[in-house]
C-alpha atoms as a PDB file:
ATOM      1  CA  MET A   1     -16.914  18.729  36.878  1.00  0.00           C
ATOM      2  CA  GLU A   2     -15.207  18.478  33.499  1.00  0.00           C
ATOM      3  CA  HIS A   3     -17.342  19.083  30.430  1.00  0.00           C
ATOM      4  CA  THR A   4     -16.822  16.874  27.379  1.00  0.00           C
ATOM      5  CA  ASN A   5     -18.149  17.007  23.862  1.00  0.00           C
ATOM      6  CA  GLN A   6     -21.233  14.891  23.305  1.00  0.00           C
ATOM      7  CA  PHE A   7     -22.029  13.181  20.020  1.00  0.00           C
ATOM      8  CA  GLU A   8     -25.280  11.564  18.941  1.00  0.00           C
ATOM      9  CA  LEU A   9     -24.400   8.787  16.488  1.00  0.00           C
ATOM     10  CA  VAL A  10     -27.019   6.533  14.906  1.00  0.00           C
ATOM     11  CA  ALA A  11     -25.588   3.680  12.806  1.00  0.00           C
ATOM     12  CA  GLY A  12     -22.409   5.702  12.218  1.00  0.00           C
ATOM     13  CA  VAL A  13     -24.265   8.877  11.182  1.00  0.00           C
ATOM     14  CA  LEU A  14     -23.528  11.950  13.283  1.00  0.00           C
ATOM     15  CA  GLN A  15     -26.965  13.385  14.010  1.00  0.00           C
ATOM     16  CA  ARG A  16     -26.009  16.060  16.524  1.00  0.00           C
ATOM     17  CA  CYS A  17     -23.068  17.203  18.560  1.00  0.00           C
ATOM     18  CA  THR A  18     -22.998  19.313  21.685  1.00  0.00           C
ATOM     19  CA  PRO A  19     -19.622  20.987  22.075  1.00  0.00           C
ATOM     20  CA  ALA A  20     -18.112  21.606  25.495  1.00  0.00           C
ATOM     21  CA  GLY A  21     -15.446  23.928  24.120  1.00  0.00           C
ATOM     22  CA  THR A  22     -14.136  25.372  20.883  1.00  0.00           C
ATOM     23  CA  LYS A  23     -12.550  22.208  19.435  1.00  0.00           C
ATOM     24  CA  LEU A  24     -14.347  19.086  18.231  1.00  0.00           C
ATOM     25  CA  VAL A  25     -12.666  15.784  17.417  1.00  0.00           C
ATOM     26  CA  LEU A  26     -15.252  13.491  15.879  1.00  0.00           C
ATOM     27  CA  PRO A  27     -15.402   9.875  17.082  1.00  0.00           C
ATOM     28  CA  GLU A  28     -13.731   7.228  14.916  1.00  0.00           C
ATOM     29  CA  GLU A  29     -17.105   5.506  14.478  1.00  0.00           C
ATOM     30  CA  THR A  30     -18.385   8.469  12.438  1.00  0.00           C
ATOM     31  CA  ARG A  31     -19.145   7.396   8.859  1.00  0.00           C
ATOM     32  CA  ALA A  32     -21.479  10.212   7.773  1.00  0.00           C
ATOM     33  CA  ILE A  33     -22.623  13.666   8.867  1.00  0.00           C
ATOM     34  CA  ALA A  34     -26.312  14.569   8.807  1.00  0.00           C
ATOM     35  CA  GLU A  35     -27.528  17.918   7.517  1.00  0.00           C
ATOM     36  CA  HIS A  36     -28.081  19.694  10.856  1.00  0.00           C
ATOM     37  CA  ALA A  37     -25.512  17.831  12.966  1.00  0.00           C
ATOM     38  CA  PHE A  38     -23.631  21.023  13.797  1.00  0.00           C
ATOM     39  CA  SER A  39     -26.537  23.335  14.631  1.00  0.00           C
ATOM     40  CA  GLY A  40     -25.704  25.022  17.906  1.00  0.00           C
ATOM     41  CA  CYS A  41     -21.947  24.813  17.249  1.00  0.00           C
ATOM     42  CA  ASP A  42     -21.522  28.537  16.585  1.00  0.00           C
ATOM     43  CA  LYS A  43     -18.592  28.857  19.020  1.00  0.00           C
ATOM     44  CA  VAL A  44     -16.565  25.957  17.603  1.00  0.00           C
ATOM     45  CA  THR A  45     -13.336  27.182  15.997  1.00  0.00           C
ATOM     46  CA  GLU A  46     -11.713  23.850  15.092  1.00  0.00           C
ATOM     47  CA  ILE A  47     -13.038  20.482  13.917  1.00  0.00           C
ATOM     48  CA  GLU A  48     -10.867  17.415  13.337  1.00  0.00           C
ATOM     49  CA  ILE A  49     -12.145  14.348  11.508  1.00  0.00           C
ATOM     50  CA  SER A  50      -9.837  11.356  11.259  1.00  0.00           C
ATOM     51  CA  VAL A  51     -11.781   8.365   9.971  1.00  0.00           C
ATOM     52  CA  LEU A  52     -11.339   6.052   6.984  1.00  0.00           C
ATOM     53  CA  GLN A  53     -14.290   7.328   4.914  1.00  0.00           C
ATOM     54  CA  LEU A  54     -16.779  10.134   5.480  1.00  0.00           C
ATOM     55  CA  GLN A  55     -19.994  10.935   3.644  1.00  0.00           C
ATOM     56  CA  LEU A  56     -21.469  14.434   3.872  1.00  0.00           C
ATOM     57  CA  LEU A  57     -25.228  13.932   3.678  1.00  0.00           C
ATOM     58  CA  ALA A  58     -25.934  17.570   2.801  1.00  0.00           C
ATOM     59  CA  GLU A  59     -24.164  20.535   1.264  1.00  0.00           C
ATOM     60  CA  HIS A  60     -22.980  23.211   3.674  1.00  0.00           C
ATOM     61  CA  CYS A  61     -23.371  20.932   6.713  1.00  0.00           C
ATOM     62  CA  PHE A  62     -20.758  23.044   8.552  1.00  0.00           C
ATOM     63  CA  SER A  63     -22.529  26.379   7.903  1.00  0.00           C
ATOM     64  CA  ALA A  64     -23.786  26.616  11.514  1.00  0.00           C
ATOM     65  CA  CYS A  65     -20.149  26.717  12.682  1.00  0.00           C
ATOM     66  CA  THR A  66     -19.854  30.469  12.149  1.00  0.00           C
ATOM     67  CA  ALA A  67     -16.643  30.793  14.221  1.00  0.00           C
ATOM     68  CA  LEU A  68     -14.892  27.903  12.422  1.00  0.00           C
ATOM     69  CA  ARG A  69     -11.268  28.731  11.560  1.00  0.00           C
ATOM     70  CA  ARG A  70      -9.828  25.256  10.868  1.00  0.00           C
ATOM     71  CA  LEU A  71     -11.396  22.098   9.479  1.00  0.00           C
ATOM     72  CA  SER A  72      -9.083  19.076   9.309  1.00  0.00           C
ATOM     73  CA  LEU A  73     -10.253  16.110   7.263  1.00  0.00           C
ATOM     74  CA  TRP A  74      -7.939  13.099   7.297  1.00  0.00           C
ATOM     75  CA  CYS A  75     -10.097  10.796   5.229  1.00  0.00           C
ATOM     76  CA  GLU A  76     -11.724  10.034   1.921  1.00  0.00           C
ATOM     77  CA  VAL A  77     -14.779  12.322   1.628  1.00  0.00           C
ATOM     78  CA  SER A  78     -17.883  11.816  -0.510  1.00  0.00           C
ATOM     79  CA  ASP A  79     -21.035  13.833  -1.121  1.00  0.00           C
ATOM     80  CA  ALA A  80     -24.638  12.822  -0.407  1.00  0.00           C
ATOM     81  CA  ALA A  81     -24.760  10.764  -3.620  1.00  0.00           C
ATOM     82  CA  GLY A  82     -21.604   8.866  -2.630  1.00  0.00           C
ATOM     83  CA  VAL A  83     -19.331  10.573  -5.183  1.00  0.00           C
ATOM     84  CA  ARG A  84     -15.790  10.985  -3.829  1.00  0.00           C
ATOM     85  CA  PHE A  85     -14.173  14.398  -3.917  1.00  0.00           C
ATOM     86  CA  SER A  86     -10.939  14.575  -5.869  1.00  0.00           C
ATOM     87  CA  SER A  87     -10.129  18.281  -5.625  1.00  0.00           C
ATOM     88  CA  ARG A  88      -9.841  20.646  -2.680  1.00  0.00           C
ATOM     89  CA  GLN A  89     -11.780  23.391  -4.519  1.00  0.00           C
ATOM     90  CA  THR A  90     -14.803  21.161  -5.140  1.00  0.00           C
ATOM     91  CA  LEU A  91     -14.762  19.952  -1.536  1.00  0.00           C
ATOM     92  CA  ARG A  92     -14.546  23.516  -0.172  1.00  0.00           C
ATOM     93  CA  ARG A  93     -17.486  24.608  -2.338  1.00  0.00           C
ATOM     94  CA  TYR A  94     -19.592  21.671  -1.125  1.00  0.00           C
ATOM     95  CA  LEU A  95     -18.661  22.353   2.502  1.00  0.00           C
ATOM     96  CA  GLY A  96     -19.694  25.987   2.133  1.00  0.00           C
ATOM     97  CA  VAL A  97     -17.079  27.221   4.594  1.00  0.00           C
ATOM     98  CA  PRO A  98     -15.837  30.828   4.356  1.00  0.00           C
ATOM     99  CA  GLU A  99     -12.547  31.534   2.565  1.00  0.00           C
ATOM    100  CA  GLU A 100     -10.876  32.492   5.856  1.00  0.00           C
ATOM    101  CA  THR A 101     -11.485  28.970   7.194  1.00  0.00           C
ATOM    102  CA  GLU A 102      -8.411  26.803   6.732  1.00  0.00           C
ATOM    103  CA  VAL A 103      -9.374  23.443   5.229  1.00  0.00           C
ATOM    104  CA  GLU A 104      -6.762  20.745   5.729  1.00  0.00           C
ATOM    105  CA  TRP A 105      -7.554  17.681   3.658  1.00  0.00           C
ATOM    106  CA  GLU A 106      -5.472  14.620   3.087  1.00  0.00           C
ATOM    107  CA  CYS A 107      -7.180  11.991   0.990  1.00  0.00           C
ATOM    108  CA  PRO A 108      -5.718   8.535   1.576  1.00  0.00           C
ATOM    109  CA  THR A 109      -6.796   7.014  -1.737  1.00  0.00           C
ATOM    110  CA  VAL A 110      -4.364   6.819  -4.614  1.00  0.00           C
ATOM    111  CA  TRP A 111      -6.841   8.421  -7.025  1.00  0.00           C
ATOM    112  CA  CYS A 112      -7.170  11.557  -4.939  1.00  0.00           C
ATOM    113  CA  MET A 113      -3.437  11.823  -4.374  1.00  0.00           C
ATOM    114  CA  GLU A 114      -2.762  11.481  -8.082  1.00  0.00           C
ATOM    115  CA  ASP A 115      -5.652  13.823  -9.002  1.00  0.00           C
ATOM    116  CA  ARG A 116      -7.456  11.142 -10.986  1.00  0.00           C
ATOM    117  CA  CYS A 117     -11.117  10.530 -11.854  1.00  0.00           C
ATOM    118  CA  GLN A 118     -13.216   9.845  -8.769  1.00  0.00           C
ATOM    119  CA  PHE A 119     -15.354   7.338 -10.684  1.00  0.00           C
ATOM    120  CA  CYS A 120     -12.860   5.156 -12.531  1.00  0.00           C
ATOM    121  CA  GLY A 121      -9.360   6.404 -11.664  1.00  0.00           C
ATOM    122  CA  GLY A 122      -8.737   7.637 -15.221  1.00  0.00           C
ATOM    123  CA  THR A 123      -6.712  10.677 -16.249  1.00  0.00           C
ATOM    124  CA  LEU A 124      -8.432  14.063 -16.029  1.00  0.00           C
ATOM    125  CA  ARG A 125      -8.253  16.669 -18.772  1.00  0.00           C
ATOM    126  CA  ASN A 126      -7.197  19.963 -17.188  1.00  0.00           C
ATOM    127  CA  GLY A 127      -9.361  23.002 -17.693  1.00  0.00           C
ATOM    128  CA  PHE A 128     -12.477  24.603 -16.275  1.00  0.00           C
ATOM    129  CA  LEU A 129     -14.468  21.376 -16.646  1.00  0.00           C
ATOM    130  CA  ARG A 130     -12.339  18.484 -15.471  1.00  0.00           C
ATOM    131  CA  VAL A 131     -13.410  15.555 -17.653  1.00  0.00           C
ATOM    132  CA  CYS A 132     -12.016  12.035 -17.480  1.00  0.00           C
ATOM    133  CA  ILE A 133     -10.494  10.984 -20.797  1.00  0.00           C
ATOM    134  CA  PHE A 134     -11.405   7.349 -20.056  1.00  0.00           C
ATOM    135  CA  CYS A 135     -15.046   7.387 -18.838  1.00  0.00           C
ATOM    136  CA  GLY A 136     -16.003  10.919 -19.964  1.00  0.00           C
ATOM    137  CA  ARG A 137     -17.480  11.954 -16.608  1.00  0.00           C
ATOM    138  CA  MET A 138     -16.990  15.408 -15.126  1.00  0.00           C
ATOM    139  CA  ASN A 139     -15.187  15.556 -11.775  1.00  0.00           C
END
């Protein structure tokens, strides 16, 4: 009997997954990830997420994946408040994955690709605090 990954999705929110192996490919219907969706996934080494938009409903929602070596995100990603990530460093911090975990992230929106403000698309001032010169918000 072949074992397959099992996913518990409620209205597009991944509530829990039960891995059958070391690689997880999330279903296309996934729109958000709940806080403890990956508890029990301590042997998973690779996760691939290829959806249009993904909301992470809690910081460090991948922290239970202690063996994780590669996380591939092929989508626009936002935090629990719905704010889109525009930099890989900010996303990595929010994910809480160890430095040795490879994070592949391709954001399909023009603003992310051009490193623009996640709120209005304006130009960001470079520096420690990345502030939009148009709306004044920090990114």
